Amino acid sequence: RKLRLKCNHFDIVEEILVKLITLHPGYRIKEVPFFFEKRKAGKTKRNL
């Protein structure tokens, strides 16, 4: 709630990390790994 966020899209995820770590140097991040499964149908519409 203390953060002033500027990003409007999915890049807000990285903005949160950057600001928390920059403003709070000892900020800890605990990650719980998960895995994406391969697409079962269709093709990606994303252009590399």
All heavy atoms as atom14 arrays in JSON, in Angstrom:
{
  "sequence": "RKLRLKCNHFDIVEEILVKLITLHPGYRIKEVPFFFEKRKAGKTKRNL",
  "atom14_mask": [
    [1, 1, 1, 1, 1, 1, 1, 1, 1, 1, 1, 0, 0, 0],
    [1, 1, 1, 1, 1, 1, 1, 1, 1, 0, 0, 0, 0, 0],
    [1, 1, 1, 1, 1, 1, 1, 1, 0, 0, 0, 0, 0, 0],
    [1, 1, 1, 1, 1, 1, 1, 1, 1, 1, 1, 0, 0, 0],
    [1, 1, 1, 1, 1, 1, 1, 1, 0, 0, 0, 0, 0, 0],
    [1, 1, 1, 1, 1, 1, 1, 1, 1, 0, 0, 0, 0, 0],
    [1, 1, 1, 1, 1, 1, 0, 0, 0, 0, 0, 0, 0, 0],
    [1, 1, 1, 1, 1, 1, 1, 1, 0, 0, 0, 0, 0, 0],
    [1, 1, 1, 1, 1, 1, 1, 1, 1, 1, 0, 0, 0, 0],
    [1, 1, 1, 1, 1, 1, 1, 1, 1, 1, 1, 0, 0, 0],
    [1, 1, 1, 1, 1, 1, 1, 1, 0, 0, 0, 0, 0, 0],
    [1, 1, 1, 1, 1, 1, 1, 1, 0, 0, 0, 0, 0, 0],
    [1, 1, 1, 1, 1, 1, 1, 0, 0, 0, 0, 0, 0, 0],
    [1, 1, 1, 1, 1, 1, 1, 1, 1, 0, 0, 0, 0, 0],
    [1, 1, 1, 1, 1, 1, 1, 1, 1, 0, 0, 0, 0, 0],
    [1, 1, 1, 1, 1, 1, 1, 1, 0, 0, 0, 0, 0, 0],
    [1, 1, 1, 1, 1, 1, 1, 1, 0, 0, 0, 0, 0, 0],
    [1, 1, 1, 1, 1, 1, 1, 0, 0, 0, 0, 0, 0, 0],
    [1, 1, 1, 1, 1, 1, 1, 1, 1, 0, 0, 0, 0, 0],
    [1, 1, 1, 1, 1, 1, 1, 1, 0, 0, 0, 0, 0, 0],
    [1, 1, 1, 1, 1, 1, 1, 1, 0, 0, 0, 0, 0, 0],
    [1, 1, 1, 1, 1, 1, 1, 0, 0, 0, 0, 0, 0, 0],
    [1, 1, 1, 1, 1, 1, 1, 1, 0, 0, 0, 0, 0, 0],
    [1, 1, 1, 1, 1, 1, 1, 1, 1, 1, 0, 0, 0, 0],
    [1, 1, 1, 1, 1, 1, 1, 0, 0, 0, 0, 0, 0, 0],
    [1, 1, 1, 1, 0, 0, 0, 0, 0, 0, 0, 0, 0, 0],
    [1, 1, 1, 1, 1, 1, 1, 1, 1, 1, 1, 1, 0, 0],
    [1, 1, 1, 1, 1, 1, 1, 1, 1, 1, 1, 0, 0, 0],
    [1, 1, 1, 1, 1, 1, 1, 1, 0, 0, 0, 0, 0, 0],
    [1, 1, 1, 1, 1, 1, 1, 1, 1, 0, 0, 0, 0, 0],
    [1, 1, 1, 1, 1, 1, 1, 1, 1, 0, 0, 0, 0, 0],
    [1, 1, 1, 1, 1, 1, 1, 0, 0, 0, 0, 0, 0, 0],
    [1, 1, 1, 1, 1, 1, 1, 0, 0, 0, 0, 0, 0, 0],
    [1, 1, 1, 1, 1, 1, 1, 1, 1, 1, 1, 0, 0, 0],
    [1, 1, 1, 1, 1, 1, 1, 1, 1, 1, 1, 0, 0, 0],
    [1, 1, 1, 1, 1, 1, 1, 1, 1, 1, 1, 0, 0, 0],
    [1, 1, 1, 1, 1, 1, 1, 1, 1, 0, 0, 0, 0, 0],
    [1, 1, 1, 1, 1, 1, 1, 1, 1, 0, 0, 0, 0, 0],
    [1, 1, 1, 1, 1, 1, 1, 1, 1, 1, 1, 0, 0, 0],
    [1, 1, 1, 1, 1, 1, 1, 1, 1, 0, 0, 0, 0, 0],
    [1, 1, 1, 1, 1, 0, 0, 0, 0, 0, 0, 0, 0, 0],
    [1, 1, 1, 1, 0, 0, 0, 0, 0, 0, 0, 0, 0, 0],
    [1, 1, 1, 1, 1, 1, 1, 1, 1, 0, 0, 0, 0, 0],
    [1, 1, 1, 1, 1, 1, 1, 0, 0, 0, 0, 0, 0, 0],
    [1, 1, 1, 1, 1, 1, 1, 1, 1, 0, 0, 0, 0, 0],
    [1, 1, 1, 1, 1, 1, 1, 1, 1, 1, 1, 0, 0, 0],
    [1, 1, 1, 1, 1, 1, 1, 1, 0, 0, 0, 0, 0, 0],
    [1, 1, 1, 1, 1, 1, 1, 1, 0, 0, 0, 0, 0, 0]
  ],
  "atom14_positions": [
    [[0.82, -1.23, 0.0], [0.0, 0.0, 0.0], [0.85, 1.27, 0.0], [0.4, 2.32, -0.45], [-0.96, -0.01, 1.19], [-2.16, -0.9, 0.98], [-3.18, -0.75, 2.1], [-2.77, -1.44, 3.3], [-2.96, -2.75, 3.53], [-3.53, -3.5, 2.62], [-2.56, -3.3, 4.65], [0.0, 0.0, 0.0], [0.0, 0.0, 0.0], [0.0, 0.0, 0.0]],
    [[2.07, 1.19, 0.47], [2.95, 2.37, 0.52], [3.56, 2.71, -0.84], [4.07, 3.8, -1.03], [4.09, 2.13, 1.52], [3.62, 2.07, 2.95], [4.79, 1.72, 3.86], [4.31, 1.45, 5.27], [5.41, 0.99, 6.13], [0.0, 0.0, 0.0], [0.0, 0.0, 0.0], [0.0, 0.0, 0.0], [0.0, 0.0, 0.0], [0.0, 0.0, 0.0]],
    [[3.5, 1.77, -1.77], [4.14, 1.98, -3.08], [3.29, 2.87, -3.98], [2.07, 2.76, -3.99], [4.37, 0.64, -3.78], [5.29, -0.35, -3.09], [5.38, -1.62, -3.93], [6.66, 0.23, -2.87], [0.0, 0.0, 0.0], [0.0, 0.0, 0.0], [0.0, 0.0, 0.0], [0.0, 0.0, 0.0], [0.0, 0.0, 0.0], [0.0, 0.0, 0.0]],
    [[3.95, 3.7, -4.74], [3.29, 4.47, -5.8], [3.64, 3.77, -7.11], [4.75, 3.93, -7.62], [3.78, 5.91, -5.81], [3.3, 6.69, -4.64], [3.66, 8.14, -4.81], [3.15, 8.89, -3.69], [3.72, 9.96, -3.21], [4.82, 10.41, -3.76], [3.19, 10.6, -2.2], [0.0, 0.0, 0.0], [0.0, 0.0, 0.0], [0.0, 0.0, 0.0]],
    [[2.7, 3.01, -7.63], [2.96, 2.21, -8.81], [2.58, 2.97, -10.07], [1.57, 3.66, -10.11], [2.19, 0.89, -8.73], [2.55, 0.02, -7.52], [1.61, -1.15, -7.39], [3.99, -0.43, -7.62], [0.0, 0.0, 0.0], [0.0, 0.0, 0.0], [0.0, 0.0, 0.0], [0.0, 0.0, 0.0], [0.0, 0.0, 0.0], [0.0, 0.0, 0.0]],
    [[3.41, 2.84, -11.11], [3.21, 3.57, -12.36], [2.83, 2.66, -13.52], [2.21, 3.09, -14.47], [4.48, 4.34, -12.73], [4.82, 5.42, -11.74], [6.04, 6.18, -12.17], [6.36, 7.3, -11.19], [7.48, 8.1, -11.64], [0.0, 0.0, 0.0], [0.0, 0.0, 0.0], [0.0, 0.0, 0.0], [0.0, 0.0, 0.0], [0.0, 0.0, 0.0]],
    [[3.25, 1.41, -13.48], [2.98, 0.5, -14.59], [1.5, 0.12, -14.61], [0.85, 0.07, -13.58], [3.83, -0.76, -14.45], [5.6, -0.43, -14.59], [0.0, 0.0, 0.0], [0.0, 0.0, 0.0], [0.0, 0.0, 0.0], [0.0, 0.0, 0.0], [0.0, 0.0, 0.0], [0.0, 0.0, 0.0], [0.0, 0.0, 0.0], [0.0, 0.0, 0.0]],
    [[1.0, -0.14, -15.81], [-0.42, -0.46, -15.96], [-0.69, -1.86, -16.48], [-1.83, -2.28, -16.56], [-1.07, 0.53, -16.94], [-1.07, 1.93, -16.39], [-1.38, 2.15, -15.24], [-0.72, 2.89, -17.22], [0.0, 0.0, 0.0], [0.0, 0.0, 0.0], [0.0, 0.0, 0.0], [0.0, 0.0, 0.0], [0.0, 0.0, 0.0], [0.0, 0.0, 0.0]],
    [[0.33, -2.57, -16.85], [0.12, -3.87, -17.47], [0.84, -4.94, -16.65], [1.1, -4.75, -15.47], [0.63, -3.84, -18.92], [-0.04, -2.77, -19.73], [-1.36, -2.85, -20.12], [0.41, -1.59, -20.19], [-1.69, -1.77, -20.78], [-0.64, -0.98, -20.85], [0.0, 0.0, 0.0], [0.0, 0.0, 0.0], [0.0, 0.0, 0.0], [0.0, 0.0, 0.0]],
    [[1.2, -6.04, -17.27], [1.85, -7.13, -16.55], [3.2, -6.73, -15.97], [3.7, -7.37, -15.05], [2.01, -8.35, -17.45], [0.7, -9.02, -17.75], [0.17, -8.98, -19.03], [0.01, -9.69, -16.76], [-1.04, -9.6, -19.3], [-1.19, -10.31, -17.02], [-1.72, -10.26, -18.3], [0.0, 0.0, 0.0], [0.0, 0.0, 0.0], [0.0, 0.0, 0.0]],
    [[3.8, -5.66, -16.48], [5.09, -5.22, -15.95], [4.98, -4.67, -14.54], [5.98, -4.42, -13.89], [5.77, -4.22, -16.88], [4.89, -3.04, -17.26], [3.69, -3.03, -16.93], [5.42, -2.12, -17.91], [0.0, 0.0, 0.0], [0.0, 0.0, 0.0], [0.0, 0.0, 0.0], [0.0, 0.0, 0.0], [0.0, 0.0, 0.0], [0.0, 0.0, 0.0]],
    [[3.77, -4.53, -14.03], [3.59, -4.07, -12.65], [4.19, -5.09, -11.67], [4.64, -4.74, -10.59], [2.11, -3.79, -12.35], [2.01, -2.87, -11.13], [1.31, -5.06, -12.16], [0.67, -2.22, -10.97], [0.0, 0.0, 0.0], [0.0, 0.0, 0.0], [0.0, 0.0, 0.0], [0.0, 0.0, 0.0], [0.0, 0.0, 0.0], [0.0, 0.0, 0.0]],
    [[4.23, -6.37, -12.07], [4.8, -7.42, -11.23], [6.28, -7.12, -10.96], [6.73, -7.17, -9.81], [4.64, -8.8, -11.92], [5.35, -9.88, -11.15], [3.18, -9.13, -12.1], [0.0, 0.0, 0.0], [0.0, 0.0, 0.0], [0.0, 0.0, 0.0], [0.0, 0.0, 0.0], [0.0, 0.0, 0.0], [0.0, 0.0, 0.0], [0.0, 0.0, 0.0]],
    [[7.01, -6.78, -12.0], [8.43, -6.45, -11.84], [8.6, -5.13, -11.13], [9.53, -4.95, -10.34], [9.14, -6.43, -13.2], [9.27, -7.78, -13.85], [8.09, -8.15, -14.74], [7.11, -7.39, -14.83], [8.16, -9.22, -15.36], [0.0, 0.0, 0.0], [0.0, 0.0, 0.0], [0.0, 0.0, 0.0], [0.0, 0.0, 0.0], [0.0, 0.0, 0.0]],
    [[7.71, -4.15, -11.38], [7.8, -2.86, -10.7], [7.67, -3.03, -9.19], [8.41, -2.42, -8.42], [6.72, -1.9, -11.2], [6.8, -0.55, -10.51], [5.68, 0.41, -10.88], [4.81, 0.05, -11.69], [5.68, 1.53, -10.34], [0.0, 0.0, 0.0], [0.0, 0.0, 0.0], [0.0, 0.0, 0.0], [0.0, 0.0, 0.0], [0.0, 0.0, 0.0]],
    [[6.75, -3.86, -8.76], [6.57, -4.11, -7.32], [7.87, -4.66, -6.73], [8.34, -4.18, -5.69], [5.4, -5.09, -7.08], [4.07, -4.39, -7.41], [5.41, -5.61, -5.65], [2.88, -5.34, -7.47], [0.0, 0.0, 0.0], [0.0, 0.0, 0.0], [0.0, 0.0, 0.0], [0.0, 0.0, 0.0], [0.0, 0.0, 0.0], [0.0, 0.0, 0.0]],
    [[8.48, -5.64, -7.39], [9.73, -6.21, -6.89], [10.83, -5.16, -6.82], [11.53, -5.06, -5.81], [10.18, -7.36, -7.8], [9.39, -8.65, -7.72], [9.85, -9.61, -8.8], [9.53, -9.28, -6.36], [0.0, 0.0, 0.0], [0.0, 0.0, 0.0], [0.0, 0.0, 0.0], [0.0, 0.0, 0.0], [0.0, 0.0, 0.0], [0.0, 0.0, 0.0]],
    [[10.99, -4.4, -7.89], [12.05, -3.37, -7.94], [11.87, -2.39, -6.8], [12.82, -2.06, -6.08], [12.05, -2.65, -9.3], [12.91, -1.4, -9.25], [12.54, -3.58, -10.39], [0.0, 0.0, 0.0], [0.0, 0.0, 0.0], [0.0, 0.0, 0.0], [0.0, 0.0, 0.0], [0.0, 0.0, 0.0], [0.0, 0.0, 0.0], [0.0, 0.0, 0.0]],
    [[10.66, -1.89, -6.61], [10.45, -0.87, -5.58], [10.58, -1.43, -4.18], [11.17, -0.79, -3.31], [9.1, -0.2, -5.79], [9.13, 0.7, -7.02], [7.91, 1.56, -7.12], [8.1, 2.55, -8.26], [6.93, 3.42, -8.41], [0.0, 0.0, 0.0], [0.0, 0.0, 0.0], [0.0, 0.0, 0.0], [0.0, 0.0, 0.0], [0.0, 0.0, 0.0]],
    [[10.05, -2.62, -3.93], [10.18, -3.19, -2.59], [11.64, -3.44, -2.22], [12.08, -3.14, -1.12], [9.38, -4.5, -2.48], [7.87, -4.35, -2.38], [7.2, -5.72, -2.4], [7.47, -3.57, -1.14], [0.0, 0.0, 0.0], [0.0, 0.0, 0.0], [0.0, 0.0, 0.0], [0.0, 0.0, 0.0], [0.0, 0.0, 0.0], [0.0, 0.0, 0.0]],
    [[12.41, -3.97, -3.16], [13.81, -4.27, -2.89], [14.65, -2.99, -2.79], [15.56, -2.9, -1.98], [14.37, -5.23, -3.96], [13.72, -6.6, -3.76], [15.87, -5.34, -3.9], [13.99, -7.59, -4.86], [0.0, 0.0, 0.0], [0.0, 0.0, 0.0], [0.0, 0.0, 0.0], [0.0, 0.0, 0.0], [0.0, 0.0, 0.0], [0.0, 0.0, 0.0]],
    [[14.31, -1.99, -3.59], [15.07, -0.73, -3.55], [14.75, 0.06, -2.28], [15.65, 0.6, -1.64], [14.75, 0.12, -4.79], [15.05, -0.65, -5.96], [15.57, 1.39, -4.82], [0.0, 0.0, 0.0], [0.0, 0.0, 0.0], [0.0, 0.0, 0.0], [0.0, 0.0, 0.0], [0.0, 0.0, 0.0], [0.0, 0.0, 0.0], [0.0, 0.0, 0.0]],
    [[13.48, 0.12, -1.91], [13.08, 0.91, -0.74], [13.37, 0.18, 0.57], [13.52, 0.82, 1.6], [11.59, 1.26, -0.83], [11.22, 2.17, -2.0], [9.7, 2.31, -2.1], [11.86, 3.55, -1.85], [0.0, 0.0, 0.0], [0.0, 0.0, 0.0], [0.0, 0.0, 0.0], [0.0, 0.0, 0.0], [0.0, 0.0, 0.0], [0.0, 0.0, 0.0]],
    [[13.41, -1.13, 0.54], [13.67, -1.94, 1.73], [14.81, -2.91, 1.42], [14.56, -4.07, 1.05], [12.41, -2.73, 2.13], [11.18, -1.9, 2.24], [10.95, -1.07, 3.3], [10.13, -1.75, 1.4], [9.79, -0.45, 3.13], [9.28, -0.85, 1.97], [0.0, 0.0, 0.0], [0.0, 0.0, 0.0], [0.0, 0.0, 0.0], [0.0, 0.0, 0.0]],
    [[16.06, -2.47, 1.54], [17.22, -3.29, 1.11], [17.26, -4.71, 1.66], [17.73, -5.61, 0.99], [18.42, -2.48, 1.6], [17.92, -1.09, 1.7], [16.48, -1.18, 2.07], [0.0, 0.0, 0.0], [0.0, 0.0, 0.0], [0.0, 0.0, 0.0], [0.0, 0.0, 0.0], [0.0, 0.0, 0.0], [0.0, 0.0, 0.0], [0.0, 0.0, 0.0]],
    [[16.74, -4.98, 2.82], [16.78, -6.33, 3.37], [15.54, -7.14, 3.03], [15.33, -8.22, 3.59], [0.0, 0.0, 0.0], [0.0, 0.0, 0.0], [0.0, 0.0, 0.0], [0.0, 0.0, 0.0], [0.0, 0.0, 0.0], [0.0, 0.0, 0.0], [0.0, 0.0, 0.0], [0.0, 0.0, 0.0], [0.0, 0.0, 0.0], [0.0, 0.0, 0.0]],
    [[14.71, -6.63, 2.14], [13.44, -7.29, 1.83], [13.67, -8.71, 1.33], [14.48, -8.94, 0.44], [12.67, -6.5, 0.77], [11.18, -6.73, 0.82], [10.38, -6.02, 1.7], [10.58, -7.66, 0.0], [9.02, -6.22, 1.75], [9.22, -7.88, 0.04], [8.44, -7.16, 0.92], [7.08, -7.37, 0.97], [0.0, 0.0, 0.0], [0.0, 0.0, 0.0]],
    [[12.99, -9.66, 1.94], [13.15, -11.06, 1.56], [12.01, -11.5, 0.65], [10.87, -11.13, 0.86], [13.14, -11.95, 2.8], [14.34, -11.77, 3.66], [14.3, -12.72, 4.83], [12.93, -13.14, 5.13], [12.56, -13.73, 6.23], [13.43, -13.97, 7.16], [11.31, -14.1, 6.43], [0.0, 0.0, 0.0], [0.0, 0.0, 0.0], [0.0, 0.0, 0.0]],
    [[12.35, -12.33, -0.3], [11.37, -12.9, -1.2], [11.43, -14.41, -1.04], [12.48, -15.02, -1.18], [11.66, -12.52, -2.67], [11.58, -11.02, -2.84], [10.71, -13.24, -3.6], [12.08, -10.54, -4.18], [0.0, 0.0, 0.0], [0.0, 0.0, 0.0], [0.0, 0.0, 0.0], [0.0, 0.0, 0.0], [0.0, 0.0, 0.0], [0.0, 0.0, 0.0]],
    [[10.32, -15.01, -0.72], [10.22, -16.46, -0.6], [9.42, -16.96, -1.79], [8.29, -16.55, -2.0], [9.52, -16.83, 0.72], [9.18, -18.28, 0.86], [10.4, -19.11, 1.12], [9.97, -20.53, 1.43], [10.85, -21.52, 0.95], [0.0, 0.0, 0.0], [0.0, 0.0, 0.0], [0.0, 0.0, 0.0], [0.0, 0.0, 0.0], [0.0, 0.0, 0.0]],
    [[10.04, -17.8, -2.59], [9.37, -18.32, -3.78], [8.95, -19.76, -3.58], [9.68, -20.56, -3.01], [10.31, -18.23, -4.98], [10.61, -16.81, -5.37], [11.49, -16.74, -6.59], [12.71, -16.89, -6.42], [10.95, -16.57, -7.7], [0.0, 0.0, 0.0], [0.0, 0.0, 0.0], [0.0, 0.0, 0.0], [0.0, 0.0, 0.0], [0.0, 0.0, 0.0]],
    [[7.77, -20.07, -4.06], [7.27, -21.43, -4.08], [7.19, -21.82, -5.56], [6.38, -21.26, -6.3], [5.89, -21.55, -3.41], [5.37, -22.96, -3.48], [5.96, -21.04, -1.98], [0.0, 0.0, 0.0], [0.0, 0.0, 0.0], [0.0, 0.0, 0.0], [0.0, 0.0, 0.0], [0.0, 0.0, 0.0], [0.0, 0.0, 0.0], [0.0, 0.0, 0.0]],
    [[8.04, -22.72, -5.99], [8.08, -23.05, -7.42], [6.8, -23.74, -7.91], [6.16, -24.49, -7.17], [9.27, -23.99, -7.56], [9.66, -24.38, -6.2], [9.0, -23.48, -5.22], [0.0, 0.0, 0.0], [0.0, 0.0, 0.0], [0.0, 0.0, 0.0], [0.0, 0.0, 0.0], [0.0, 0.0, 0.0], [0.0, 0.0, 0.0], [0.0, 0.0, 0.0]],
    [[6.44, -23.44, -9.13], [5.37, -24.16, -9.79], [5.74, -24.27, -11.26], [6.61, -23.56, -11.74], [4.0, -23.51, -9.58], [3.82, -22.2, -10.28], [3.22, -22.14, -11.53], [4.24, -21.02, -9.68], [3.06, -20.94, -12.18], [4.07, -19.81, -10.32], [3.48, -19.77, -11.57], [0.0, 0.0, 0.0], [0.0, 0.0, 0.0], [0.0, 0.0, 0.0]],
    [[5.09, -25.13, -11.96], [5.47, -25.41, -13.34], [4.28, -25.26, -14.27], [3.18, -25.68, -13.94], [6.04, -26.83, -13.46], [7.22, -27.06, -12.57], [7.06, -27.58, -11.3], [8.49, -26.71, -13.0], [8.15, -27.77, -10.46], [9.59, -26.89, -12.17], [9.41, -27.42, -10.91], [0.0, 0.0, 0.0], [0.0, 0.0, 0.0], [0.0, 0.0, 0.0]],
    [[4.55, -24.65, -15.42], [3.52, -24.55, -16.45], [3.54, -25.82, -17.26], [4.6, -26.4, -17.51], [3.82, -23.37, -17.39], [3.6, -22.03, -16.75], [4.68, -21.29, -16.29], [2.33, -21.51, -16.63], [4.49, -20.05, -15.71], [2.12, -20.28, -16.05], [3.2, -19.55, -15.59], [0.0, 0.0, 0.0], [0.0, 0.0, 0.0], [0.0, 0.0, 0.0]],
    [[2.38, -26.25, -17.67], [2.31, -27.41, -18.55], [2.3, -26.93, -20.0], [1.88, -25.82, -20.29], [1.04, -28.2, -18.27], [1.07, -28.92, -16.94], [-0.15, -29.81, -16.75], [-0.85, -30.11, -17.74], [-0.4, -30.2, -15.6], [0.0, 0.0, 0.0], [0.0, 0.0, 0.0], [0.0, 0.0, 0.0], [0.0, 0.0, 0.0], [0.0, 0.0, 0.0]],
    [[2.76, -27.79, -20.87], [2.78, -27.49, -22.29], [1.33, -27.32, -22.78], [0.43, -28.05, -22.35], [3.48, -28.6, -23.06], [3.7, -28.28, -24.5], [4.51, -29.36, -25.19], [4.7, -28.97, -26.63], [5.54, -29.91, -27.34], [0.0, 0.0, 0.0], [0.0, 0.0, 0.0], [0.0, 0.0, 0.0], [0.0, 0.0, 0.0], [0.0, 0.0, 0.0]],
    [[1.15, -26.37, -23.65], [-0.17, -26.11, -24.23], [-0.7, -27.4, -24.87], [0.0, -28.06, -25.62], [-0.02, -25.01, -25.28], [-1.3, -24.61, -25.94], [-1.02, -23.61, -27.04], [-0.42, -22.39, -26.56], [-1.09, -21.26, -26.33], [-2.37, -21.22, -26.57], [-0.48, -20.2, -25.9], [0.0, 0.0, 0.0], [0.0, 0.0, 0.0], [0.0, 0.0, 0.0]],
    [[-1.95, -27.73, -24.57], [-2.54, -28.97, -25.09], [-3.26, -28.75, -26.41], [-3.47, -29.68, -27.18], [-3.49, -29.55, -24.06], [-2.76, -30.05, -22.83], [-3.71, -30.69, -21.86], [-3.1, -31.35, -20.73], [-2.39, -31.1, -19.75], [0.0, 0.0, 0.0], [0.0, 0.0, 0.0], [0.0, 0.0, 0.0], [0.0, 0.0, 0.0], [0.0, 0.0, 0.0]],
    [[-3.67, -27.52, -26.69], [-4.4, -27.25, -27.93], [-4.1, -25.83, -28.39], [-3.77, -24.95, -27.58], [-5.9, -27.41, -27.69], [0.0, 0.0, 0.0], [0.0, 0.0, 0.0], [0.0, 0.0, 0.0], [0.0, 0.0, 0.0], [0.0, 0.0, 0.0], [0.0, 0.0, 0.0], [0.0, 0.0, 0.0], [0.0, 0.0, 0.0], [0.0, 0.0, 0.0]],
    [[-4.2, -25.61, -29.66], [-4.03, -24.28, -30.22], [-2.58, -23.87, -30.33], [-1.67, -24.59, -29.94], [0.0, 0.0, 0.0], [0.0, 0.0, 0.0], [0.0, 0.0, 0.0], [0.0, 0.0, 0.0], [0.0, 0.0, 0.0], [0.0, 0.0, 0.0], [0.0, 0.0, 0.0], [0.0, 0.0, 0.0], [0.0, 0.0, 0.0], [0.0, 0.0, 0.0]],
    [[-2.39, -22.67, -30.88], [-1.05, -22.11, -31.06], [-0.99, -20.75, -30.38], [-1.99, -20.05, -30.3], [-0.73, -21.91, -32.55], [-0.41, -23.16, -33.3], [-0.02, -22.78, -34.71], [0.7, -23.93, -35.39], [1.17, -23.55, -36.71], [0.0, 0.0, 0.0], [0.0, 0.0, 0.0], [0.0, 0.0, 0.0], [0.0, 0.0, 0.0], [0.0, 0.0, 0.0]],
    [[0.2, -20.38, -29.96], [0.37, -19.07, -29.37], [0.19, -17.98, -30.43], [0.52, -18.18, -31.59], [1.75, -18.94, -28.69], [1.81, -17.67, -28.05], [2.89, -19.05, -29.69], [0.0, 0.0, 0.0], [0.0, 0.0, 0.0], [0.0, 0.0, 0.0], [0.0, 0.0, 0.0], [0.0, 0.0, 0.0], [0.0, 0.0, 0.0], [0.0, 0.0, 0.0]],
    [[-0.34, -16.86, -30.0], [-0.5, -15.73, -30.9], [0.61, -14.71, -30.66], [0.65, -13.65, -31.25], [-1.87, -15.09, -30.68], [-3.0, -16.01, -31.1], [-4.33, -15.47, -30.63], [-5.45, -16.44, -30.9], [-5.46, -17.59, -30.05], [0.0, 0.0, 0.0], [0.0, 0.0, 0.0], [0.0, 0.0, 0.0], [0.0, 0.0, 0.0], [0.0, 0.0, 0.0]],
    [[1.5, -15.05, -29.75], [2.58, -14.15, -29.37], [3.69, -14.16, -30.43], [4.17, -15.2, -30.82], [3.16, -14.59, -28.03], [4.25, -13.67, -27.53], [4.69, -14.06, -26.16], [3.61, -13.76, -25.24], [3.54, -14.23, -24.01], [4.46, -15.05, -23.57], [2.55, -13.92, -23.23], [0.0, 0.0, 0.0], [0.0, 0.0, 0.0], [0.0, 0.0, 0.0]],
    [[4.1, -12.97, -30.83], [5.19, -12.81, -31.77], [6.46, -12.62, -30.96], [6.53, -11.73, -30.11], [4.91, -11.59, -32.66], [6.04, -11.29, -33.61], [7.15, -10.97, -33.18], [5.75, -11.37, -34.89], [0.0, 0.0, 0.0], [0.0, 0.0, 0.0], [0.0, 0.0, 0.0], [0.0, 0.0, 0.0], [0.0, 0.0, 0.0], [0.0, 0.0, 0.0]],
    [[7.48, -13.44, -31.21], [8.7, -13.41, -30.42], [9.39, -12.05, -30.45], [9.83, -11.54, -29.41], [9.66, -14.51, -30.88], [10.94, -14.65, -30.06], [10.61, -14.95, -28.6], [11.81, -15.74, -30.63], [0.0, 0.0, 0.0], [0.0, 0.0, 0.0], [0.0, 0.0, 0.0], [0.0, 0.0, 0.0], [0.0, 0.0, 0.0], [0.0, 0.0, 0.0]]
  ]
}
